[in-house]
PDB file of all heavy atoms in Angstrom:
ATOM      1  N   LYS A   1     162.421 175.574 136.331  1.00  0.00           N
ATOM      2  CA  LYS A   1     161.684 176.846 136.262  1.00  0.00           C
ATOM      3  C   LYS A   1     160.195 176.609 136.476  1.00  0.00           C
ATOM      4  O   LYS A   1     159.517 177.410 137.134  1.00  0.00           O
ATOM      5  CB  LYS A   1     161.923 177.525 134.907  1.00  0.00           C
ATOM      6  CG  LYS A   1     161.317 178.925 134.799  1.00  0.00           C
ATOM      7  CD  LYS A   1     161.940 179.880 135.797  1.00  0.00           C
ATOM      8  CE  LYS A   1     161.324 181.271 135.724  1.00  0.00           C
ATOM      9  NZ  LYS A   1     161.841 182.178 136.760  1.00  0.00           N
ATOM     10  N   ILE A   2     159.674 175.507 135.959  1.00  0.00           N
ATOM     11  CA  ILE A   2     158.260 175.170 136.155  1.00  0.00           C
ATOM     12  C   ILE A   2     157.983 174.842 137.619  1.00  0.00           C
ATOM     13  O   ILE A   2     156.993 175.301 138.195  1.00  0.00           O
ATOM     14  CB  ILE A   2     157.863 173.985 135.256  1.00  0.00           C
ATOM     15  CG1 ILE A   2     157.928 174.377 133.776  1.00  0.00           C
ATOM     16  CG2 ILE A   2     156.453 173.477 135.605  1.00  0.00           C
ATOM     17  CD1 ILE A   2     157.830 173.202 132.815  1.00  0.00           C
ATOM     18  N   LEU A   3     158.861 174.045 138.228  1.00  0.00           N
ATOM     19  CA  LEU A   3     158.649 173.605 139.606  1.00  0.00           C
ATOM     20  C   LEU A   3     158.931 174.706 140.626  1.00  0.00           C
ATOM     21  O   LEU A   3     158.270 174.781 141.665  1.00  0.00           O
ATOM     22  CB  LEU A   3     159.530 172.390 139.905  1.00  0.00           C
ATOM     23  CG  LEU A   3     159.256 171.118 139.098  1.00  0.00           C
ATOM     24  CD1 LEU A   3     160.288 170.044 139.455  1.00  0.00           C
ATOM     25  CD2 LEU A   3     157.842 170.594 139.370  1.00  0.00           C
ATOM     26  N   TYR A   4     159.929 175.546 140.330  1.00  0.00           N
ATOM     27  CA  TYR A   4     160.356 176.579 141.288  1.00  0.00           C
ATOM     28  C   TYR A   4     160.489 177.932 140.590  1.00  0.00           C
ATOM     29  O   TYR A   4     161.591 178.480 140.453  1.00  0.00           O
ATOM     30  CB  TYR A   4     161.701 176.201 141.912  1.00  0.00           C
ATOM     31  CG  TYR A   4     161.760 174.819 142.505  1.00  0.00           C
ATOM     32  CD1 TYR A   4     162.418 173.785 141.830  1.00  0.00           C
ATOM     33  CD2 TYR A   4     161.175 174.537 143.736  1.00  0.00           C
ATOM     34  CE1 TYR A   4     162.483 172.506 142.376  1.00  0.00           C
ATOM     35  CE2 TYR A   4     161.235 173.257 144.281  1.00  0.00           C
ATOM     36  CZ  TYR A   4     161.885 172.254 143.598  1.00  0.00           C
ATOM     37  OH  TYR A   4     161.946 170.986 144.137  1.00  0.00           O
ATOM     38  N   PRO A   5     159.391 178.501 140.117  1.00  0.00           N
ATOM     39  CA  PRO A   5     159.483 179.730 139.318  1.00  0.00           C
ATOM     40  C   PRO A   5     160.074 180.922 140.050  1.00  0.00           C
ATOM     41  O   PRO A   5     160.605 181.839 139.400  1.00  0.00           O
ATOM     42  CB  PRO A   5     158.023 179.996 138.911  1.00  0.00           C
ATOM     43  CG  PRO A   5     157.193 179.232 139.891  1.00  0.00           C
ATOM     44  CD  PRO A   5     158.002 178.028 140.254  1.00  0.00           C
ATOM     45  N   ASP A   6     160.034 180.923 141.377  1.00  0.00           N
ATOM     46  CA  ASP A   6     160.593 182.056 142.119  1.00  0.00           C
ATOM     47  C   ASP A   6     161.934 181.707 142.769  1.00  0.00           C
ATOM     48  O   ASP A   6     162.446 182.464 143.594  1.00  0.00           O
ATOM     49  CB  ASP A   6     159.613 182.540 143.198  1.00  0.00           C
ATOM     50  CG  ASP A   6     159.802 184.016 143.517  1.00  0.00           C
ATOM     51  OD1 ASP A   6     160.132 184.788 142.591  1.00  0.00           O
ATOM     52  OD2 ASP A   6     159.615 184.402 144.684  1.00  0.00           O
ATOM     53  N   LYS A   7     162.501 180.560 142.383  1.00  0.00           N
ATOM     54  CA  LYS A   7     163.823 180.170 142.894  1.00  0.00           C
ATOM     55  C   LYS A   7     164.847 180.023 141.769  1.00  0.00           C
ATOM     56  O   LYS A   7     166.051 180.073 142.017  1.00  0.00           O
ATOM     57  CB  LYS A   7     163.735 178.835 143.647  1.00  0.00           C
ATOM     58  CG  LYS A   7     162.993 178.903 144.969  1.00  0.00           C
ATOM     59  CD  LYS A   7     162.892 177.542 145.632  1.00  0.00           C
ATOM     60  CE  LYS A   7     164.247 177.017 146.064  1.00  0.00           C
ATOM     61  NZ  LYS A   7     164.130 175.728 146.809  1.00  0.00           N
ATOM     62  N   ILE A   8     164.361 179.821 140.559  1.00  0.00           N
ATOM     63  CA  ILE A   8     165.230 179.636 139.399  1.00  0.00           C
ATOM     64  C   ILE A   8     165.026 180.810 138.449  1.00  0.00           C
ATOM     65  O   ILE A   8     163.916 181.040 137.961  1.00  0.00           O
ATOM     66  CB  ILE A   8     164.920 178.310 138.671  1.00  0.00           C
ATOM     67  CG1 ILE A   8     165.043 177.120 139.615  1.00  0.00           C
ATOM     68  CG2 ILE A   8     165.808 178.149 137.443  1.00  0.00           C
ATOM     69  CD1 ILE A   8     166.443 176.832 140.106  1.00  0.00           C
ATOM     70  N   PHE A   9     166.087 181.564 138.198  1.00  0.00           N
ATOM     71  CA  PHE A   9     166.019 182.709 137.288  1.00  0.00           C
ATOM     72  C   PHE A   9     166.922 182.433 136.094  1.00  0.00           C
ATOM     73  O   PHE A   9     168.094 182.084 136.253  1.00  0.00           O
ATOM     74  CB  PHE A   9     166.452 183.987 138.003  1.00  0.00           C
ATOM     75  CG  PHE A   9     165.590 184.340 139.182  1.00  0.00           C
ATOM     76  CD1 PHE A   9     165.937 183.909 140.458  1.00  0.00           C
ATOM     77  CD2 PHE A   9     164.429 185.083 139.029  1.00  0.00           C
ATOM     78  CE1 PHE A   9     165.143 184.213 141.557  1.00  0.00           C
ATOM     79  CE2 PHE A   9     163.626 185.395 140.118  1.00  0.00           C
ATOM     80  CZ  PHE A   9     163.987 184.956 141.387  1.00  0.00           C
ATOM     81  N   LEU A  10     166.372 182.583 134.895  1.00  0.00           N
ATOM     82  CA  LEU A  10     167.088 182.262 133.660  1.00  0.00           C
ATOM     83  C   LEU A  10     167.254 183.517 132.808  1.00  0.00           C
ATOM     84  O   LEU A  10     166.263 184.154 132.433  1.00  0.00           O
ATOM     85  CB  LEU A  10     166.319 181.207 132.857  1.00  0.00           C
ATOM     86  CG  LEU A  10     165.980 179.888 133.571  1.00  0.00           C
ATOM     87  CD1 LEU A  10     165.127 179.008 132.661  1.00  0.00           C
ATOM     88  CD2 LEU A  10     167.241 179.157 133.989  1.00  0.00           C
ATOM     89  N   LEU A  11     168.496 183.869 132.510  1.00  0.00           N
ATOM     90  CA  LEU A  11     168.769 184.998 131.614  1.00  0.00           C
ATOM     91  C   LEU A  11     169.143 184.467 130.230  1.00  0.00           C
ATOM     92  O   LEU A  11     169.494 183.298 130.060  1.00  0.00           O
ATOM     93  CB  LEU A  11     169.908 185.858 132.168  1.00  0.00           C
ATOM     94  CG  LEU A  11     169.680 186.502 133.530  1.00  0.00           C
ATOM     95  CD1 LEU A  11     170.860 187.415 133.871  1.00  0.00           C
ATOM     96  CD2 LEU A  11     168.371 187.282 133.583  1.00  0.00           C
ATOM     97  N   ARG A  12     169.092 185.341 129.258  1.00  0.00           N
ATOM     98  CA  ARG A  12     169.396 184.972 127.880  1.00  0.00           C
ATOM     99  C   ARG A  12     170.852 185.292 127.560  1.00  0.00           C
ATOM    100  O   ARG A  12     171.327 186.405 127.809  1.00  0.00           O
ATOM    101  CB  ARG A  12     168.472 185.732 126.926  1.00  0.00           C
ATOM    102  CG  ARG A  12     168.502 185.243 125.493  1.00  0.00           C
ATOM    103  CD  ARG A  12     167.485 186.006 124.655  1.00  0.00           C
ATOM    104  NE  ARG A  12     167.361 185.426 123.319  1.00  0.00           N
ATOM    105  CZ  ARG A  12     166.555 185.899 122.373  1.00  0.00           C
ATOM    106  NH1 ARG A  12     165.787 186.949 122.625  1.00  0.00           N
ATOM    107  NH2 ARG A  12     166.498 185.327 121.185  1.00  0.00           N
ATOM    108  N   GLY A  13     171.553 184.305 127.023  1.00  0.00           N
ATOM    109  CA  GLY A  13     172.907 184.530 126.548  1.00  0.00           C
ATOM    110  C   GLY A  13     172.918 184.654 125.039  1.00  0.00           C
ATOM    111  O   GLY A  13     171.887 184.503 124.382  1.00  0.00           O
ATOM    112  N   ASN A  14     174.075 184.898 124.455  1.00  0.00           N
ATOM    113  CA  ASN A  14     174.126 185.057 123.003  1.00  0.00           C
ATOM    114  C   ASN A  14     173.877 183.748 122.256  1.00  0.00           C
ATOM    115  O   ASN A  14     173.507 183.756 121.080  1.00  0.00           O
ATOM    116  CB  ASN A  14     175.473 185.652 122.574  1.00  0.00           C
ATOM    117  CG  ASN A  14     176.653 184.784 122.936  1.00  0.00           C
ATOM    118  OD1 ASN A  14     176.858 184.456 124.107  1.00  0.00           O
ATOM    119  ND2 ASN A  14     177.444 184.398 121.948  1.00  0.00           N
ATOM    120  N   HIS A  15     174.014 182.590 122.934  1.00  0.00           N
ATOM    121  CA  HIS A  15     173.729 181.321 122.275  1.00  0.00           C
ATOM    122  C   HIS A  15     172.253 180.941 122.341  1.00  0.00           C
ATOM    123  O   HIS A  15     171.863 179.937 121.751  1.00  0.00           O
ATOM    124  CB  HIS A  15     174.593 180.206 122.876  1.00  0.00           C
ATOM    125  CG  HIS A  15     176.004 180.265 122.388  1.00  0.00           C
ATOM    126  ND1 HIS A  15     176.494 179.467 121.382  1.00  0.00           N
ATOM    127  CD2 HIS A  15     177.041 181.069 122.760  1.00  0.00           C
ATOM    128  CE1 HIS A  15     177.761 179.756 121.156  1.00  0.00           C
ATOM    129  NE2 HIS A  15     178.122 180.727 121.982  1.00  0.00           N
ATOM    130  N   GLU A  16     171.456 181.737 123.040  1.00  0.00           N
ATOM    131  CA  GLU A  16     170.007 181.524 123.033  1.00  0.00           C
ATOM    132  C   GLU A  16     169.371 182.350 121.912  1.00  0.00           C
ATOM    133  O   GLU A  16     168.269 182.878 122.044  1.00  0.00           O
ATOM    134  CB  GLU A  16     169.396 181.856 124.397  1.00  0.00           C
ATOM    135  CG  GLU A  16     169.593 180.761 125.427  1.00  0.00           C
ATOM    136  CD  GLU A  16     171.038 180.603 125.859  1.00  0.00           C
ATOM    137  OE1 GLU A  16     171.610 181.575 126.403  1.00  0.00           O
ATOM    138  OE2 GLU A  16     171.611 179.516 125.656  1.00  0.00           O
ATOM    139  N   PHE A  17     170.083 182.465 120.811  1.00  0.00           N
ATOM    140  CA  PHE A  17     169.608 183.114 119.596  1.00  0.00           C
ATOM    141  C   PHE A  17     169.760 182.116 118.456  1.00  0.00           C
ATOM    142  O   PHE A  17     170.811 181.475 118.309  1.00  0.00           O
ATOM    143  CB  PHE A  17     170.425 184.377 119.274  1.00  0.00           C
ATOM    144  CG  PHE A  17     170.060 185.562 120.123  1.00  0.00           C
ATOM    145  CD1 PHE A  17     170.558 185.684 121.411  1.00  0.00           C
ATOM    146  CD2 PHE A  17     169.210 186.554 119.638  1.00  0.00           C
ATOM    147  CE1 PHE A  17     170.220 186.766 122.205  1.00  0.00           C
ATOM    148  CE2 PHE A  17     168.878 187.642 120.427  1.00  0.00           C
ATOM    149  CZ  PHE A  17     169.378 187.751 121.717  1.00  0.00           C
ATOM    150  N   ILE A  18     168.730 182.003 117.646  1.00  0.00           N
ATOM    151  CA  ILE A  18     168.739 180.990 116.590  1.00  0.00           C
ATOM    152  C   ILE A  18     169.861 181.223 115.593  1.00  0.00           C
ATOM    153  O   ILE A  18     170.430 180.275 115.035  1.00  0.00           O
ATOM    154  CB  ILE A  18     167.355 180.936 115.895  1.00  0.00           C
ATOM    155  CG1 ILE A  18     167.201 179.610 115.140  1.00  0.00           C
ATOM    156  CG2 ILE A  18     167.141 182.143 114.996  1.00  0.00           C
ATOM    157  CD1 ILE A  18     165.775 179.330 114.711  1.00  0.00           C
ATOM    158  N   ALA A  19     170.260 182.479 115.380  1.00  0.00           N
ATOM    159  CA  ALA A  19     171.340 182.767 114.445  1.00  0.00           C
ATOM    160  C   ALA A  19     172.672 182.219 114.938  1.00  0.00           C
ATOM    161  O   ALA A  19     173.575 181.950 114.141  1.00  0.00           O
ATOM    162  CB  ALA A  19     171.452 184.279 114.230  1.00  0.00           C
ATOM    163  N   VAL A  20     172.792 182.033 116.247  1.00  0.00           N
ATOM    164  CA  VAL A  20     174.029 181.508 116.827  1.00  0.00           C
ATOM    165  C   VAL A  20     173.961 179.988 116.993  1.00  0.00           C
ATOM    166  O   VAL A  20     174.888 179.263 116.610  1.00  0.00           O
ATOM    167  CB  VAL A  20     174.327 182.181 118.192  1.00  0.00           C
ATOM    168  CG1 VAL A  20     175.568 181.562 118.834  1.00  0.00           C
ATOM    169  CG2 VAL A  20     174.509 183.689 118.011  1.00  0.00           C
ATOM    170  N   ASN A  21     172.842 179.493 117.545  1.00  0.00           N
ATOM    171  CA  ASN A  21     172.805 178.051 117.828  1.00  0.00           C
ATOM    172  C   ASN A  21     172.523 177.180 116.599  1.00  0.00           C
ATOM    173  O   ASN A  21     172.474 175.956 116.712  1.00  0.00           O
ATOM    174  CB  ASN A  21     171.875 177.728 119.005  1.00  0.00           C
ATOM    175  CG  ASN A  21     170.427 178.109 118.784  1.00  0.00           C
ATOM    176  OD1 ASN A  21     169.843 177.798 117.747  1.00  0.00           O
ATOM    177  ND2 ASN A  21     169.835 178.777 119.776  1.00  0.00           N
ATOM    178  N   THR A  22     172.361 177.820 115.433  1.00  0.00           N
ATOM    179  CA  THR A  22     172.372 177.037 114.192  1.00  0.00           C
ATOM    180  C   THR A  22     173.806 176.759 113.740  1.00  0.00           C
ATOM    181  O   THR A  22     174.023 175.925 112.854  1.00  0.00           O
ATOM    182  CB  THR A  22     171.652 177.772 113.040  1.00  0.00           C
ATOM    183  OG1 THR A  22     172.216 179.075 112.883  1.00  0.00           O
ATOM    184  CG2 THR A  22     170.179 177.871 113.291  1.00  0.00           C
ATOM    185  N   ILE A  23     174.762 177.437 114.348  1.00  0.00           N
ATOM    186  CA  ILE A  23     176.161 177.323 113.924  1.00  0.00           C
ATOM    187  C   ILE A  23     176.992 176.465 114.871  1.00  0.00           C
ATOM    188  O   ILE A  23     177.830 175.670 114.440  1.00  0.00           O
ATOM    189  CB  ILE A  23     176.798 178.729 113.811  1.00  0.00           C
ATOM    190  CG1 ILE A  23     176.058 179.571 112.771  1.00  0.00           C
ATOM    191  CG2 ILE A  23     178.286 178.632 113.479  1.00  0.00           C
ATOM    192  CD1 ILE A  23     176.502 181.023 112.728  1.00  0.00           C
ATOM    193  N   TYR A  24     176.719 176.585 116.175  1.00  0.00           N
ATOM    194  CA  TYR A  24     177.646 176.027 117.161  1.00  0.00           C
ATOM    195  C   TYR A  24     177.201 174.701 117.792  1.00  0.00           C
ATOM    196  O   TYR A  24     177.730 174.321 118.820  1.00  0.00           O
ATOM    197  CB  TYR A  24     177.934 177.069 118.239  1.00  0.00           C
ATOM    198  CG  TYR A  24     178.757 178.228 117.719  1.00  0.00           C
ATOM    199  CD1 TYR A  24     178.150 179.409 117.318  1.00  0.00           C
ATOM    200  CD2 TYR A  24     180.142 178.118 117.603  1.00  0.00           C
ATOM    201  CE1 TYR A  24     178.898 180.463 116.821  1.00  0.00           C
ATOM    202  CE2 TYR A  24     180.896 179.166 117.115  1.00  0.00           C
ATOM    203  CZ  TYR A  24     180.273 180.342 116.719  1.00  0.00           C
ATOM    204  OH  TYR A  24     181.026 181.379 116.223  1.00  0.00           O
ATOM    205  N   GLY A  25     176.220 174.031 117.185  1.00  0.00           N
ATOM    206  CA  GLY A  25     175.985 172.661 117.605  1.00  0.00           C
ATOM    207  C   GLY A  25     174.600 172.266 118.051  1.00  0.00           C
ATOM    208  O   GLY A  25     174.230 171.092 117.942  1.00  0.00           O
ATOM    209  N   PHE A  26     173.804 173.201 118.549  1.00  0.00           N
ATOM    210  CA  PHE A  26     172.512 172.811 119.117  1.00  0.00           C
ATOM    211  C   PHE A  26     171.589 172.235 118.058  1.00  0.00           C
ATOM    212  O   PHE A  26     170.934 171.211 118.272  1.00  0.00           O
ATOM    213  CB  PHE A  26     171.862 173.994 119.819  1.00  0.00           C
ATOM    214  CG  PHE A  26     170.573 173.655 120.535  1.00  0.00           C
ATOM    215  CD1 PHE A  26     170.491 172.542 121.352  1.00  0.00           C
ATOM    216  CD2 PHE A  26     169.444 174.466 120.400  1.00  0.00           C
ATOM    217  CE1 PHE A  26     169.303 172.220 122.017  1.00  0.00           C
ATOM    218  CE2 PHE A  26     168.272 174.158 121.067  1.00  0.00           C
ATOM    219  CZ  PHE A  26     168.196 173.037 121.861  1.00  0.00           C
TER     220      PHE A  26
END
């Protein structure tokens, strides 16, 4: 994303929430 900000698009999933990724391993 830093190198190619207009070529890489990142959306948020439900695991990109701290309430979820404290449970499932991250």
